[in-house]
Each structure stands twice: as C-alpha cells, then as structure tokens.
C-alpha cells in the first residue's frame, strides 16, 4: 500500500510544480513560498485535529522533536530554492533536477541510516544522477 501513497505524492508533486510555476510568474519567490507554507500549515493542522491526532503532541520525545524541527527547516530551505529555480527556469527542467533528491536520499540513507544498498537501487540512483546531468548540461 505504500506505493499507492508514493504515486499520489508524485502526482501532487507534479501538480505543485505546474501550479507553482504559474503562481510565481509575477510574485517574489520568497513571498510565494510563505503563502504556500501557510496553506500547508492550515491543511496539516486541520487533518491532525479532524482525525484527533493532536493528542500525540504530549508524547513527543525531545529527540523526535529535534529531528522534526530539522526536517522542517530542510523542507523550508528546499521550497525557497525550488521556487526561486522555478521563477528563473523552465518547470520541465527544474522539477526533474529537483528529483535528484531521490538519488541523494538513497546515498544518505546508506551513510546515516545504515540501509542496505542493492544493485537495483544503486543503478536507479546512477540513472537519476545521469539524467540530472543531461538536463543541466
């Protein structure tokens, strides 16, 4: 079932790129990121409260909270740079280059999380990196 959520994520990420490119056409990219972030904030907390999951707040460990904060900071920086790239470049180039994060995540998951690197995953990462280089050069 994880793959269904991953496919939905990919679909909505592609819509994000299209909508964002249109949205940043006459707007400062940082302002556009801030507006997008407010919408995401409202949606995420709405889902948490609607499903009654806010009760989990009291059970968060400091460790989890620190890494969720770091993840949020990384997401924010990613969005800021993504919107700036969209404003300056073609969405058909920016979005695929942004997906280099997939290959980087594979590498970082091996280094920091100790996940096994299979031949199939390594080949996939190499192809992603190669494709990114083709788009950039």
Protein backbone atom coordinates (compact mmCIF):
# COMPACT_ATOMS: atom_id res chain seq x y z
CA UNK A 1 0.00 0.00 0.00
CA UNK A 2 2.98 2.34 0.49
CA UNK A 3 3.43 2.56 -3.27
CA UNK A 4 -0.08 3.98 -3.72
CA UNK A 5 0.75 6.83 -1.35
CA UNK A 6 4.09 7.31 -3.12
CA UNK A 7 2.33 7.52 -6.51
CA UNK A 8 -0.18 10.02 -5.11
CA UNK A 9 2.73 12.02 -3.71
CA UNK A 10 4.40 12.05 -7.13
CA UNK A 11 1.16 13.12 -8.81
CA UNK A 12 0.57 16.00 -6.39
CA UNK A 13 4.25 16.99 -6.57
CA UNK A 14 3.89 17.31 -10.33
CA UNK A 15 0.82 19.50 -9.88
CA UNK A 16 2.78 21.51 -7.33
CA UNK A 17 5.44 22.27 -9.92
CA UNK A 18 2.90 23.34 -12.55
CA UNK A 19 0.80 25.44 -10.17
CA UNK A 20 3.91 26.99 -8.58
CA UNK A 21 5.40 27.97 -11.95
CA UNK A 22 2.17 29.77 -12.83
CA UNK A 23 1.91 31.28 -9.33
CA UNK A 24 5.43 32.73 -9.18
CA UNK A 25 5.25 34.41 -12.57
CA UNK A 26 4.67 37.89 -11.10
CA UNK A 27 5.37 37.29 -7.40
CA UNK A 28 8.56 37.32 -5.33
CA UNK A 29 9.53 33.67 -4.87
CA UNK A 30 10.02 34.05 -1.09
CA UNK A 31 6.54 35.55 -0.74
CA UNK A 32 5.12 32.73 -2.85
CA UNK A 33 6.84 30.18 -0.58
CA UNK A 34 5.41 31.88 2.52
CA UNK A 35 1.87 31.83 1.09
CA UNK A 36 2.23 28.17 0.14
CA UNK A 37 3.52 27.37 3.61
CA UNK A 38 0.51 28.97 5.30
CA UNK A 39 -1.83 26.83 3.19
CA UNK A 40 0.12 23.68 4.04
CA UNK A 41 0.11 24.63 7.73
CA UNK A 42 -3.67 25.08 7.75
CA UNK A 43 -4.24 21.82 5.85
CA UNK A 44 -1.87 19.76 8.02
CA UNK A 45 -3.24 21.01 11.35
CA UNK A 46 -6.79 20.67 10.03
CA UNK A 47 -6.16 16.99 9.28
CA UNK A 48 -4.47 16.46 12.67
CA UNK A 49 -7.41 17.97 14.58
CA UNK A 50 -10.07 16.36 12.37
CA UNK A 51 -8.58 12.90 12.99
CA UNK A 52 -7.95 13.58 16.69
CA UNK A 53 -4.21 13.04 16.31
CA UNK A 54 -3.30 16.18 18.27
CA UNK A 55 -3.30 14.05 21.43
CA UNK A 56 0.07 12.68 20.28
CA UNK A 57 1.74 16.05 20.94
CA UNK A 58 2.21 15.30 24.62
CA UNK A 59 4.03 12.07 23.81
CA UNK A 60 6.70 13.60 21.54
CA UNK A 61 10.22 12.98 22.77
CA UNK A 62 12.88 15.71 22.62
CA UNK A 63 14.78 13.53 20.16
CA UNK A 64 11.82 13.27 17.78
CA UNK A 65 11.02 16.95 18.14
CA UNK A 66 14.60 17.99 17.32
CA UNK A 67 14.64 15.91 14.15
CA UNK A 68 11.16 17.06 13.11
CA UNK A 69 12.35 20.65 13.51
CA UNK A 70 15.47 19.92 11.45
CA UNK A 71 13.29 18.25 8.81
CA UNK A 72 11.01 21.30 8.73
CA UNK A 73 14.00 23.60 8.31
CA UNK A 74 15.33 21.46 5.46
CA UNK A 75 11.89 21.47 3.83
CA UNK A 76 11.66 25.25 4.11
CA UNK A 77 15.07 25.73 2.52
CA UNK A 78 14.18 23.24 -0.20
CA UNK A 79 11.00 25.14 -1.02
CA UNK A 80 12.73 28.52 -1.03
CA UNK A 81 15.33 27.32 -3.52
CA UNK A 82 12.75 25.37 -5.55
CA UNK A 83 10.50 28.40 -6.01
CA UNK A 84 13.48 30.57 -6.95
CA UNK A 85 14.58 27.97 -9.51
CA UNK A 86 11.02 27.77 -10.89
CA UNK A 87 10.89 31.52 -11.22
CA UNK A 88 14.13 31.56 -13.21
CA UNK A 89 13.95 28.32 -15.19
CA UNK A 90 11.63 26.02 -17.09
CA UNK A 91 9.45 23.77 -14.96
CA UNK A 92 10.32 20.89 -17.31
CA UNK A 93 13.95 21.25 -16.23
CA UNK A 94 13.66 22.45 -12.63
CA UNK A 95 11.28 19.71 -11.44
CA UNK A 96 13.39 16.80 -12.72
CA UNK A 97 16.62 18.31 -11.35
CA UNK A 98 14.85 18.75 -8.01
CA UNK A 99 14.23 14.99 -8.06
CA UNK A 100 17.98 14.49 -7.78
CA UNK A 101 16.95 14.47 -4.12
CA UNK A 102 15.88 10.86 -4.69
CA UNK A 103 19.43 9.77 -5.53
CA UNK A 104 20.87 11.91 -2.73
CA UNK A 105 18.39 10.35 -0.30
CA UNK A 106 19.49 6.87 -1.34
CA UNK A 107 23.12 7.78 -0.65
CA UNK A 108 22.33 9.49 2.66
CA UNK A 109 20.13 6.60 3.81
CA UNK A 110 23.07 4.24 3.35
CA UNK A 111 25.54 6.57 5.10
CA UNK A 112 23.40 7.80 8.01
CA UNK A 113 20.71 5.15 8.46
CA UNK A 114 22.75 2.09 7.56
CA UNK A 115 20.23 0.95 4.96
CA UNK A 116 21.39 -1.72 2.53
CA UNK A 117 22.24 -0.61 -0.98
CA UNK A 118 21.09 -3.15 -3.51
CA UNK A 119 22.39 -3.32 -7.05
CA UNK A 120 18.96 -2.33 -8.37
CA UNK A 121 18.82 0.74 -6.11
CA UNK A 122 22.39 1.75 -6.98
CA UNK A 123 21.66 1.51 -10.72
CA UNK A 124 18.49 3.58 -10.23
CA UNK A 125 20.45 6.26 -8.36
CA UNK A 126 23.14 6.34 -11.05
CA UNK A 127 20.48 6.73 -13.75
CA UNK A 128 18.84 9.59 -11.84
CA UNK A 129 22.20 11.33 -11.42
CA UNK A 130 22.99 10.78 -15.11
CA UNK A 131 19.61 12.14 -16.18
CA UNK A 132 20.09 15.19 -13.98
CA UNK A 133 23.47 15.88 -15.55
CA UNK A 134 21.90 15.60 -19.03
CA UNK A 135 19.26 18.19 -18.10
CA UNK A 136 21.78 20.59 -16.55
CA UNK A 137 24.40 20.35 -19.29
